[in-house]
Amino acid sequence: MAIILQVDFPFAGPWGDEMAAAMDGLAQDIAGEPGLQWKIWTENAQTQRAGGIYCFDTAEAAQAYADKHLARLASFGITGIVAHHFAINAPLSKVTRFQQTA
């Protein structure tokens, strides 16, 4: 069963294309995480928050990544980190076009 991990935190920028350029190396690293199916990067310049929505193969893979990522953010001095784990209701999600990759 796939697991969704939602993480967001205070972030002062950069945003948009500048964020994409600045975070490309991190994106490449995250792409290699065990059990990761996909990640959507999120940003809101108005509220000064950024983060992501991740889909992992298992709850264990999601938890292992959350532990690693939250520690990394904390090492940068970031506080106010919010992380939530959710199971996917596959039957309802398929009706609304969810496609599980693994």
PDB file of N, CA and C in Angstrom:
ATOM      1  N   MET A   1       0.838  -1.181   0.000  1.00  0.00           N
ATOM      2  CA  MET A   1       0.000   0.000   0.000  1.00  0.00           C
ATOM      3  C   MET A   1       0.883   1.244   0.000  1.00  0.00           C
ATOM      4  N   ALA A   2       0.639   2.149  -0.910  1.00  0.00           N
ATOM      5  CA  ALA A   2       1.402   3.389  -0.986  1.00  0.00           C
ATOM      6  C   ALA A   2       1.057   4.305   0.183  1.00  0.00           C
ATOM      7  N   ILE A   3       2.033   5.095   0.581  1.00  0.00           N
ATOM      8  CA  ILE A   3       1.884   6.041   1.687  1.00  0.00           C
ATOM      9  C   ILE A   3       2.255   7.434   1.198  1.00  0.00           C
ATOM     10  N   ILE A   4       1.448   8.410   1.565  1.00  0.00           N
ATOM     11  CA  ILE A   4       1.724   9.811   1.258  1.00  0.00           C
ATOM     12  C   ILE A   4       2.374  10.458   2.472  1.00  0.00           C
ATOM     13  N   LEU A   5       3.454  11.173   2.223  1.00  0.00           N
ATOM     14  CA  LEU A   5       4.111  12.000   3.236  1.00  0.00           C
ATOM     15  C   LEU A   5       3.980  13.440   2.776  1.00  0.00           C
ATOM     16  N   GLN A   6       3.427  14.272   3.634  1.00  0.00           N
ATOM     17  CA  GLN A   6       3.286  15.708   3.345  1.00  0.00           C
ATOM     18  C   GLN A   6       4.171  16.459   4.330  1.00  0.00           C
ATOM     19  N   VAL A   7       5.064  17.297   3.804  1.00  0.00           N
ATOM     20  CA  VAL A   7       5.976  18.073   4.644  1.00  0.00           C
ATOM     21  C   VAL A   7       5.919  19.520   4.188  1.00  0.00           C
ATOM     22  N   ASP A   8       5.830  20.453   5.134  1.00  0.00           N
ATOM     23  CA  ASP A   8       6.027  21.859   4.784  1.00  0.00           C
ATOM     24  C   ASP A   8       6.657  22.581   5.964  1.00  0.00           C
ATOM     25  N   PHE A   9       7.283  23.713   5.645  1.00  0.00           N
ATOM     26  CA  PHE A   9       8.077  24.433   6.635  1.00  0.00           C
ATOM     27  C   PHE A   9       8.252  25.883   6.189  1.00  0.00           C
ATOM     28  N   PRO A  10       8.607  26.767   7.129  1.00  0.00           N
ATOM     29  CA  PRO A  10       8.880  28.153   6.766  1.00  0.00           C
ATOM     30  C   PRO A  10      10.066  28.223   5.801  1.00  0.00           C
ATOM     31  N   PHE A  11       9.934  29.057   4.779  1.00  0.00           N
ATOM     32  CA  PHE A  11      10.977  29.171   3.757  1.00  0.00           C
ATOM     33  C   PHE A  11      10.929  30.578   3.186  1.00  0.00           C
ATOM     34  N   ALA A  12      12.072  31.230   3.111  1.00  0.00           N
ATOM     35  CA  ALA A  12      12.130  32.613   2.641  1.00  0.00           C
ATOM     36  C   ALA A  12      12.448  32.730   1.158  1.00  0.00           C
ATOM     37  N   GLY A  13      12.531  31.632   0.463  1.00  0.00           N
ATOM     38  CA  GLY A  13      12.838  31.649  -0.962  1.00  0.00           C
ATOM     39  C   GLY A  13      14.239  31.139  -1.208  1.00  0.00           C
ATOM     40  N   PRO A  14      14.611  31.040  -2.430  1.00  0.00           N
ATOM     41  CA  PRO A  14      14.014  31.556  -3.661  1.00  0.00           C
ATOM     42  C   PRO A  14      12.789  30.744  -4.090  1.00  0.00           C
ATOM     43  N   TRP A  15      12.075  31.302  -5.075  1.00  0.00           N
ATOM     44  CA  TRP A  15      10.828  30.713  -5.551  1.00  0.00           C
ATOM     45  C   TRP A  15      10.903  30.444  -7.053  1.00  0.00           C
ATOM     46  N   GLY A  16       9.991  29.623  -7.540  1.00  0.00           N
ATOM     47  CA  GLY A  16       9.861  29.375  -8.976  1.00  0.00           C
ATOM     48  C   GLY A  16      11.122  28.824  -9.609  1.00  0.00           C
ATOM     49  N   ASP A  17      11.490  29.409 -10.745  1.00  0.00           N
ATOM     50  CA  ASP A  17      12.649  28.934 -11.491  1.00  0.00           C
ATOM     51  C   ASP A  17      13.939  29.059 -10.689  1.00  0.00           C
ATOM     52  N   GLU A  18      14.043  30.107  -9.866  1.00  0.00           N
ATOM     53  CA  GLU A  18      15.239  30.258  -9.032  1.00  0.00           C
ATOM     54  C   GLU A  18      15.328  29.118  -8.016  1.00  0.00           C
ATOM     55  N   MET A  19      14.202  28.729  -7.445  1.00  0.00           N
ATOM     56  CA  MET A  19      14.183  27.605  -6.521  1.00  0.00           C
ATOM     57  C   MET A  19      14.593  26.329  -7.258  1.00  0.00           C
ATOM     58  N   ALA A  20      14.045  26.139  -8.457  1.00  0.00           N
ATOM     59  CA  ALA A  20      14.363  24.939  -9.237  1.00  0.00           C
ATOM     60  C   ALA A  20      15.864  24.844  -9.493  1.00  0.00           C
ATOM     61  N   ALA A  21      16.479  25.952  -9.845  1.00  0.00           N
ATOM     62  CA  ALA A  21      17.920  25.946 -10.096  1.00  0.00           C
ATOM     63  C   ALA A  21      18.703  25.683  -8.813  1.00  0.00           C
ATOM     64  N   ALA A  22      18.293  26.324  -7.729  1.00  0.00           N
ATOM     65  CA  ALA A  22      19.010  26.190  -6.459  1.00  0.00           C
ATOM     66  C   ALA A  22      18.867  24.798  -5.853  1.00  0.00           C
ATOM     67  N   MET A  23      17.741  24.142  -6.083  1.00  0.00           N
ATOM     68  CA  MET A  23      17.449  22.866  -5.434  1.00  0.00           C
ATOM     69  C   MET A  23      17.638  21.658  -6.357  1.00  0.00           C
ATOM     70  N   ASP A  24      18.181  21.851  -7.547  1.00  0.00           N
ATOM     71  CA  ASP A  24      18.318  20.747  -8.489  1.00  0.00           C
ATOM     72  C   ASP A  24      19.137  19.590  -7.909  1.00  0.00           C
ATOM     73  N   GLY A  25      20.231  19.882  -7.258  1.00  0.00           N
ATOM     74  CA  GLY A  25      21.050  18.828  -6.663  1.00  0.00           C
ATOM     75  C   GLY A  25      20.294  18.053  -5.604  1.00  0.00           C
ATOM     76  N   LEU A  26      19.530  18.763  -4.791  1.00  0.00           N
ATOM     77  CA  LEU A  26      18.714  18.110  -3.769  1.00  0.00           C
ATOM     78  C   LEU A  26      17.646  17.241  -4.425  1.00  0.00           C
ATOM     79  N   ALA A  27      17.024  17.742  -5.486  1.00  0.00           N
ATOM     80  CA  ALA A  27      16.009  16.959  -6.197  1.00  0.00           C
ATOM     81  C   ALA A  27      16.611  15.668  -6.741  1.00  0.00           C
ATOM     82  N   GLN A  28      17.821  15.754  -7.293  1.00  0.00           N
ATOM     83  CA  GLN A  28      18.495  14.560  -7.804  1.00  0.00           C
ATOM     84  C   GLN A  28      18.743  13.558  -6.680  1.00  0.00           C
ATOM     85  N   ASP A  29      19.134  14.051  -5.507  1.00  0.00           N
ATOM     86  CA  ASP A  29      19.381  13.184  -4.362  1.00  0.00           C
ATOM     87  C   ASP A  29      18.081  12.521  -3.893  1.00  0.00           C
ATOM     88  N   ILE A  30      17.026  13.303  -3.776  1.00  0.00           N
ATOM     89  CA  ILE A  30      15.736  12.777  -3.321  1.00  0.00           C
ATOM     90  C   ILE A  30      15.211  11.727  -4.299  1.00  0.00           C
ATOM     91  N   ALA A  31      15.442  11.922  -5.595  1.00  0.00           N
ATOM     92  CA  ALA A  31      14.963  10.977  -6.605  1.00  0.00           C
ATOM     93  C   ALA A  31      15.508   9.566  -6.381  1.00  0.00           C
ATOM     94  N   GLY A  32      16.631   9.455  -5.696  1.00  0.00           N
ATOM     95  CA  GLY A  32      17.225   8.154  -5.427  1.00  0.00           C
ATOM     96  C   GLY A  32      16.804   7.526  -4.110  1.00  0.00           C
ATOM     97  N   GLU A  33      15.882   8.141  -3.398  1.00  0.00           N
ATOM     98  CA  GLU A  33      15.464   7.604  -2.098  1.00  0.00           C
ATOM     99  C   GLU A  33      14.778   6.251  -2.257  1.00  0.00           C
ATOM    100  N   PRO A  34      15.154   5.276  -1.431  1.00  0.00           N
ATOM    101  CA  PRO A  34      14.512   3.962  -1.504  1.00  0.00           C
ATOM    102  C   PRO A  34      13.001   4.060  -1.269  1.00  0.00           C
ATOM    103  N   GLY A  35      12.238   3.446  -2.145  1.00  0.00           N
ATOM    104  CA  GLY A  35      10.794   3.388  -1.981  1.00  0.00           C
ATOM    105  C   GLY A  35      10.032   4.602  -2.481  1.00  0.00           C
ATOM    106  N   LEU A  36      10.739   5.636  -2.962  1.00  0.00           N
ATOM    107  CA  LEU A  36      10.043   6.834  -3.444  1.00  0.00           C
ATOM    108  C   LEU A  36       9.447   6.569  -4.821  1.00  0.00           C
ATOM    109  N   GLN A  37       8.144   6.793  -4.949  1.00  0.00           N
ATOM    110  CA  GLN A  37       7.494   6.707  -6.256  1.00  0.00           C
ATOM    111  C   GLN A  37       7.557   8.051  -6.968  1.00  0.00           C
ATOM    112  N   TRP A  38       7.244   9.131  -6.229  1.00  0.00           N
ATOM    113  CA  TRP A  38       7.288  10.474  -6.798  1.00  0.00           C
ATOM    114  C   TRP A  38       7.244  11.514  -5.690  1.00  0.00           C
ATOM    115  N   LYS A  39       7.595  12.736  -6.059  1.00  0.00           N
ATOM    116  CA  LYS A  39       7.484  13.885  -5.155  1.00  0.00           C
ATOM    117  C   LYS A  39       6.944  15.059  -5.949  1.00  0.00           C
ATOM    118  N   ILE A  40       6.048  15.802  -5.344  1.00  0.00           N
ATOM    119  CA  ILE A  40       5.600  17.090  -5.870  1.00  0.00           C
ATOM    120  C   ILE A  40       6.190  18.156  -4.958  1.00  0.00           C
ATOM    121  N   TRP A  41       6.927  19.077  -5.536  1.00  0.00           N
ATOM    122  CA  TRP A  41       7.511  20.178  -4.761  1.00  0.00           C
ATOM    123  C   TRP A  41       6.449  21.267  -4.614  1.00  0.00           C
ATOM    124  N   THR A  42       6.292  21.790  -3.400  1.00  0.00           N
ATOM    125  CA  THR A  42       5.288  22.823  -3.147  1.00  0.00           C
ATOM    126  C   THR A  42       5.964  24.110  -2.675  1.00  0.00           C
ATOM    127  N   GLU A  43       5.356  25.228  -3.024  1.00  0.00           N
ATOM    128  CA  GLU A  43       5.881  26.522  -2.588  1.00  0.00           C
ATOM    129  C   GLU A  43       4.752  27.539  -2.532  1.00  0.00           C
ATOM    130  N   ASN A  44       4.856  28.442  -1.568  1.00  0.00           N
ATOM    131  CA  ASN A  44       3.885  29.519  -1.442  1.00  0.00           C
ATOM    132  C   ASN A  44       4.637  30.756  -0.960  1.00  0.00           C
ATOM    133  N   ALA A  45       4.984  31.632  -1.894  1.00  0.00           N
ATOM    134  CA  ALA A  45       5.747  32.825  -1.561  1.00  0.00           C
ATOM    135  C   ALA A  45       4.961  33.749  -0.628  1.00  0.00           C
ATOM    136  N   GLN A  46       3.638  33.771  -0.760  1.00  0.00           N
ATOM    137  CA  GLN A  46       2.830  34.656   0.078  1.00  0.00           C
ATOM    138  C   GLN A  46       2.879  34.251   1.543  1.00  0.00           C
ATOM    139  N   THR A  47       2.820  32.955   1.816  1.00  0.00           N
ATOM    140  CA  THR A  47       2.846  32.494   3.205  1.00  0.00           C
ATOM    141  C   THR A  47       4.250  32.131   3.667  1.00  0.00           C
ATOM    142  N   GLN A  48       5.209  32.212   2.725  1.00  0.00           N
ATOM    143  CA  GLN A  48       6.613  31.896   3.024  1.00  0.00           C
ATOM    144  C   GLN A  48       6.770  30.463   3.550  1.00  0.00           C
ATOM    145  N   ARG A  49       6.121  29.513   2.833  1.00  0.00           N
ATOM    146  CA  ARG A  49       6.239  28.090   3.193  1.00  0.00           C
ATOM    147  C   ARG A  49       6.544  27.293   1.934  1.00  0.00           C
ATOM    148  N   ALA A  50       7.311  26.242   2.124  1.00  0.00           N
ATOM    149  CA  ALA A  50       7.648  25.333   1.028  1.00  0.00           C
ATOM    150  C   ALA A  50       7.667  23.918   1.571  1.00  0.00           C
ATOM    151  N   GLY A  51       7.736  22.961   0.683  1.00  0.00           N
ATOM    152  CA  GLY A  51       7.797  21.572   1.116  1.00  0.00           C
ATOM    153  C   GLY A  51       7.514  20.638  -0.024  1.00  0.00           C
ATOM    154  N   GLY A  52       6.828  19.546   0.291  1.00  0.00           N
ATOM    155  CA  GLY A  52       6.539  18.586  -0.746  1.00  0.00           C
ATOM    156  C   GLY A  52       5.507  17.569  -0.323  1.00  0.00           C
ATOM    157  N   ILE A  53       4.993  16.895  -1.336  1.00  0.00           N
ATOM    158  CA  ILE A  53       4.091  15.778  -1.145  1.00  0.00           C
ATOM    159  C   ILE A  53       4.757  14.597  -1.834  1.00  0.00           C
ATOM    160  N   TYR A  54       4.987  13.554  -1.061  1.00  0.00           N
ATOM    161  CA  TYR A  54       5.749  12.400  -1.511  1.00  0.00           C
ATOM    162  C   TYR A  54       4.855  11.168  -1.506  1.00  0.00           C
ATOM    163  N   CYS A  55       5.110  10.257  -2.417  1.00  0.00           N
ATOM    164  CA  CYS A  55       4.447   8.963  -2.416  1.00  0.00           C
ATOM    165  C   CYS A  55       5.521   7.886  -2.292  1.00  0.00           C
ATOM    166  N   PHE A  56       5.411   7.076  -1.247  1.00  0.00           N
ATOM    167  CA  PHE A  56       6.360   5.993  -0.994  1.00  0.00           C
ATOM    168  C   PHE A  56       5.658   4.647  -1.106  1.00  0.00           C
ATOM    169  N   ASP A  57       6.438   3.614  -1.417  1.00  0.00           N
ATOM    170  CA  ASP A  57       5.916   2.252  -1.530  1.00  0.00           C
ATOM    171  C   ASP A  57       5.367   1.733  -0.210  1.00  0.00           C
ATOM    172  N   THR A  58       6.034   2.088   0.903  1.00  0.00           N
ATOM    173  CA  THR A  58       5.660   1.529   2.208  1.00  0.00           C
ATOM    174  C   THR A  58       5.721   2.600   3.289  1.00  0.00           C
ATOM    175  N   ALA A  59       5.047   2.326   4.400  1.00  0.00           N
ATOM    176  CA  ALA A  59       5.102   3.221   5.556  1.00  0.00           C
ATOM    177  C   ALA A  59       6.520   3.297   6.101  1.00  0.00           C
ATOM    178  N   GLU A  60       7.262   2.179   6.041  1.00  0.00           N
ATOM    179  CA  GLU A  60       8.633   2.164   6.550  1.00  0.00           C
ATOM    180  C   GLU A  60       9.541   3.068   5.723  1.00  0.00           C
ATOM    181  N   ALA A  61       9.387   3.036   4.398  1.00  0.00           N
ATOM    182  CA  ALA A  61      10.194   3.902   3.533  1.00  0.00           C
ATOM    183  C   ALA A  61       9.852   5.369   3.773  1.00  0.00           C
ATOM    184  N   ALA A  62       8.563   5.668   3.948  1.00  0.00           N
ATOM    185  CA  ALA A  62       8.142   7.050   4.215  1.00  0.00           C
ATOM    186  C   ALA A  62       8.702   7.534   5.543  1.00  0.00           C
ATOM    187  N   GLN A  63       8.661   6.687   6.562  1.00  0.00           N
ATOM    188  CA  GLN A  63       9.178   7.079   7.873  1.00  0.00           C
ATOM    189  C   GLN A  63      10.689   7.269   7.845  1.00  0.00           C
ATOM    190  N   ALA A  64      11.391   6.374   7.168  1.00  0.00           N
ATOM    191  CA  ALA A  64      12.849   6.505   7.071  1.00  0.00           C
ATOM    192  C   ALA A  64      13.228   7.813   6.389  1.00  0.00           C
ATOM    193  N   TYR A  65      12.525   8.159   5.306  1.00  0.00           N
ATOM    194  CA  TYR A  65      12.814   9.416   4.625  1.00  0.00           C
ATOM    195  C   TYR A  65      12.431  10.608   5.496  1.00  0.00           C
ATOM    196  N   ALA A  66      11.282  10.552   6.149  1.00  0.00           N
ATOM    197  CA  ALA A  66      10.860  11.660   7.016  1.00  0.00           C
ATOM    198  C   ALA A  66      11.898  11.912   8.102  1.00  0.00           C
ATOM    199  N   ASP A  67      12.391  10.848   8.718  1.00  0.00           N
ATOM    200  CA  ASP A  67      13.417  11.011   9.756  1.00  0.00           C
ATOM    201  C   ASP A  67      14.648  11.703   9.189  1.00  0.00           C
ATOM    202  N   LYS A  68      15.090  11.265   8.016  1.00  0.00           N
ATOM    203  CA  LYS A  68      16.271  11.848   7.373  1.00  0.00           C
ATOM    204  C   LYS A  68      16.027  13.309   6.989  1.00  0.00           C
ATOM    205  N   HIS A  69      14.899  13.579   6.359  1.00  0.00           N
ATOM    206  CA  HIS A  69      14.622  14.920   5.843  1.00  0.00           C
ATOM    207  C   HIS A  69      14.388  15.922   6.973  1.00  0.00           C
ATOM    208  N   LEU A  70      13.647  15.531   7.993  1.00  0.00           N
ATOM    209  CA  LEU A  70      13.408  16.451   9.102  1.00  0.00           C
ATOM    210  C   LEU A  70      14.708  16.769   9.835  1.00  0.00           C
ATOM    211  N   ALA A  71      15.585  15.797   9.965  1.00  0.00           N
ATOM    212  CA  ALA A  71      16.897  16.053  10.574  1.00  0.00           C
ATOM    213  C   ALA A  71      17.712  17.001   9.699  1.00  0.00           C
ATOM    214  N   ARG A  72      17.651  16.825   8.375  1.00  0.00           N
ATOM    215  CA  ARG A  72      18.375  17.708   7.458  1.00  0.00           C
ATOM    216  C   ARG A  72      17.852  19.139   7.581  1.00  0.00           C
ATOM    217  N   LEU A  73      16.520  19.306   7.589  1.00  0.00           N
ATOM    218  CA  LEU A  73      15.946  20.649   7.720  1.00  0.00           C
ATOM    219  C   LEU A  73      16.345  21.288   9.046  1.00  0.00           C
ATOM    220  N   ALA A  74      16.283  20.520  10.121  1.00  0.00           N
ATOM    221  CA  ALA A  74      16.659  21.034  11.444  1.00  0.00           C
ATOM    222  C   ALA A  74      18.130  21.444  11.457  1.00  0.00           C
ATOM    223  N   SER A  75      18.989  20.711  10.735  1.00  0.00           N
ATOM    224  CA  SER A  75      20.416  21.058  10.692  1.00  0.00           C
ATOM    225  C   SER A  75      20.646  22.398   9.993  1.00  0.00           C
ATOM    226  N   PHE A  76      19.688  22.816   9.154  1.00  0.00           N
ATOM    227  CA  PHE A  76      19.749  24.124   8.500  1.00  0.00           C
ATOM    228  C   PHE A  76      19.167  25.222   9.384  1.00  0.00           C
ATOM    229  N   GLY A  77      18.713  24.850  10.589  1.00  0.00           N
ATOM    230  CA  GLY A  77      18.121  25.809  11.506  1.00  0.00           C
ATOM    231  C   GLY A  77      16.644  26.049  11.266  1.00  0.00           C
ATOM    232  N   ILE A  78      16.015  25.222  10.449  1.00  0.00           N
ATOM    233  CA  ILE A  78      14.595  25.397  10.146  1.00  0.00           C
ATOM    234  C   ILE A  78      13.764  24.804  11.273  1.00  0.00           C
ATOM    235  N   THR A  79      12.823  25.594  11.762  1.00  0.00           N
ATOM    236  CA  THR A  79      11.876  25.142  12.781  1.00  0.00           C
ATOM    237  C   THR A  79      10.473  25.290  12.203  1.00  0.00           C
ATOM    238  N   GLY A  80       9.475  24.824  12.922  1.00  0.00           N
ATOM    239  CA  GLY A  80       8.102  24.936  12.443  1.00  0.00           C
ATOM    240  C   GLY A  80       7.796  23.956  11.329  1.00  0.00           C
ATOM    241  N   ILE A  81       8.518  22.846  11.311  1.00  0.00           N
ATOM    242  CA  ILE A  81       8.323  21.821  10.280  1.00  0.00           C
ATOM    243  C   ILE A  81       7.071  21.018  10.618  1.00  0.00           C
ATOM    244  N   VAL A  82       6.236  20.802   9.616  1.00  0.00           N
ATOM    245  CA  VAL A  82       5.023  20.005   9.779  1.00  0.00           C
ATOM    246  C   VAL A  82       5.136  18.803   8.848  1.00  0.00           C
ATOM    247  N   ALA A  83       4.918  17.594   9.390  1.00  0.00           N
ATOM    248  CA  ALA A  83       4.958  16.377   8.576  1.00  0.00           C
ATOM    249  C   ALA A  83       3.759  15.505   8.933  1.00  0.00           C
ATOM    250  N   HIS A  84       3.092  15.006   7.899  1.00  0.00           N
ATOM    251  CA  HIS A  84       1.935  14.128   8.082  1.00  0.00           C
ATOM    252  C   HIS A  84       2.098  12.914   7.176  1.00  0.00           C
ATOM    253  N   HIS A  85       1.686  11.766   7.681  1.00  0.00           N
ATOM    254  CA  HIS A  85       1.678  10.523   6.901  1.00  0.00           C
ATOM    255  C   HIS A  85       0.226  10.120   6.676  1.00  0.00           C
ATOM    256  N   PHE A  86      -0.081   9.703   5.447  1.00  0.00           N
ATOM    257  CA  PHE A  86      -1.433   9.295   5.104  1.00  0.00           C
ATOM    258  C   PHE A  86      -1.412   8.015   4.289  1.00  0.00           C
ATOM    259  N   ALA A  87      -2.318   7.097   4.591  1.00  0.00           N
ATOM    260  CA  ALA A  87      -2.557   5.959   3.707  1.00  0.00           C
ATOM    261  C   ALA A  87      -3.410   6.456   2.540  1.00  0.00           C
ATOM    262  N   ILE A  88      -3.302   5.787   1.419  1.00  0.00           N
ATOM    263  CA  ILE A  88      -4.094   6.138   0.242  1.00  0.00           C
ATOM    264  C   ILE A  88      -5.315   5.229   0.172  1.00  0.00           C
ATOM    265  N   ASN A  89      -6.482   5.815  -0.010  1.00  0.00           N
ATOM    266  CA  ASN A  89      -7.679   5.029  -0.268  1.00  0.00           C
ATOM    267  C   ASN A  89      -7.691   4.804  -1.781  1.00  0.00           C
ATOM    268  N   ALA A  90      -7.159   3.652  -2.202  1.00  0.00           N
ATOM    269  CA  ALA A  90      -6.973   3.374  -3.625  1.00  0.00           C
ATOM    270  C   ALA A  90      -8.272   3.364  -4.428  1.00  0.00           C
ATOM    271  N   PRO A  91      -9.357   2.722  -3.960  1.00  0.00           N
ATOM    272  CA  PRO A  91     -10.576   2.716  -4.779  1.00  0.00           C
ATOM    273  C   PRO A  91     -11.102   4.127  -5.081  1.00  0.00           C
ATOM    274  N   LEU A  92     -11.159   4.971  -4.082  1.00  0.00           N
ATOM    275  CA  LEU A  92     -11.643   6.342  -4.326  1.00  0.00           C
ATOM    276  C   LEU A  92     -10.644   7.154  -5.133  1.00  0.00           C
ATOM    277  N   SER A  93      -9.372   6.951  -4.857  1.00  0.00           N
ATOM    278  CA  SER A  93      -8.340   7.708  -5.563  1.00  0.00           C
ATOM    279  C   SER A  93      -8.299   7.360  -7.051  1.00  0.00           C
ATOM    280  N   LYS A  94      -8.553   6.114  -7.389  1.00  0.00           N
ATOM    281  CA  LYS A  94      -8.587   5.724  -8.803  1.00  0.00           C
ATOM    282  C   LYS A  94      -9.726   6.429  -9.536  1.00  0.00           C
ATOM    283  N   VAL A  95     -10.857   6.626  -8.874  1.00  0.00           N
ATOM    284  CA  VAL A  95     -11.968   7.352  -9.482  1.00  0.00           C
ATOM    285  C   VAL A  95     -11.540   8.769  -9.852  1.00  0.00           C
ATOM    286  N   THR A  96     -10.694   9.369  -9.026  1.00  0.00           N
ATOM    287  CA  THR A  96     -10.240  10.741  -9.279  1.00  0.00           C
ATOM    288  C   THR A  96      -8.853  10.780  -9.925  1.00  0.00           C
ATOM    289  N   ARG A  97      -8.528   9.710 -10.693  1.00  0.00           N
ATOM    290  CA  ARG A  97      -7.381   9.625 -11.606  1.00  0.00           C
ATOM    291  C   ARG A  97      -6.024   9.337 -10.963  1.00  0.00           C
ATOM    292  N   PHE A  98      -5.969   8.884  -9.729  1.00  0.00           N
ATOM    293  CA  PHE A  98      -4.700   8.465  -9.136  1.00  0.00           C
ATOM    294  C   PHE A  98      -4.201   7.224  -9.861  1.00  0.00           C
ATOM    295  N   GLN A  99      -2.898   7.215 -10.171  1.00  0.00           N
ATOM    296  CA  GLN A  99      -2.283   6.052 -10.783  1.00  0.00           C
ATOM    297  C   GLN A  99      -1.061   5.667  -9.959  1.00  0.00           C
ATOM    298  N   GLN A 100      -1.151   4.562  -9.289  1.00  0.00           N
ATOM    299  CA  GLN A 100      -0.044   4.083  -8.486  1.00  0.00           C
ATOM    300  C   GLN A 100       1.017   3.508  -9.416  1.00  0.00           C
ATOM    301  N   THR A 101       2.274   3.827  -9.156  1.00  0.00           N
ATOM    302  CA  THR A 101       3.343   3.400 -10.034  1.00  0.00           C
ATOM    303  C   THR A 101       4.007   2.116  -9.595  1.00  0.00           C
ATOM    304  N   ALA A 102       3.763   1.656  -8.388  1.00  0.00           N
ATOM    305  CA  ALA A 102       4.403   0.418  -7.946  1.00  0.00           C
ATOM    306  C   ALA A 102       3.399  -0.485  -7.296  1.00  0.00           C
TER     307      ALA A 102
END
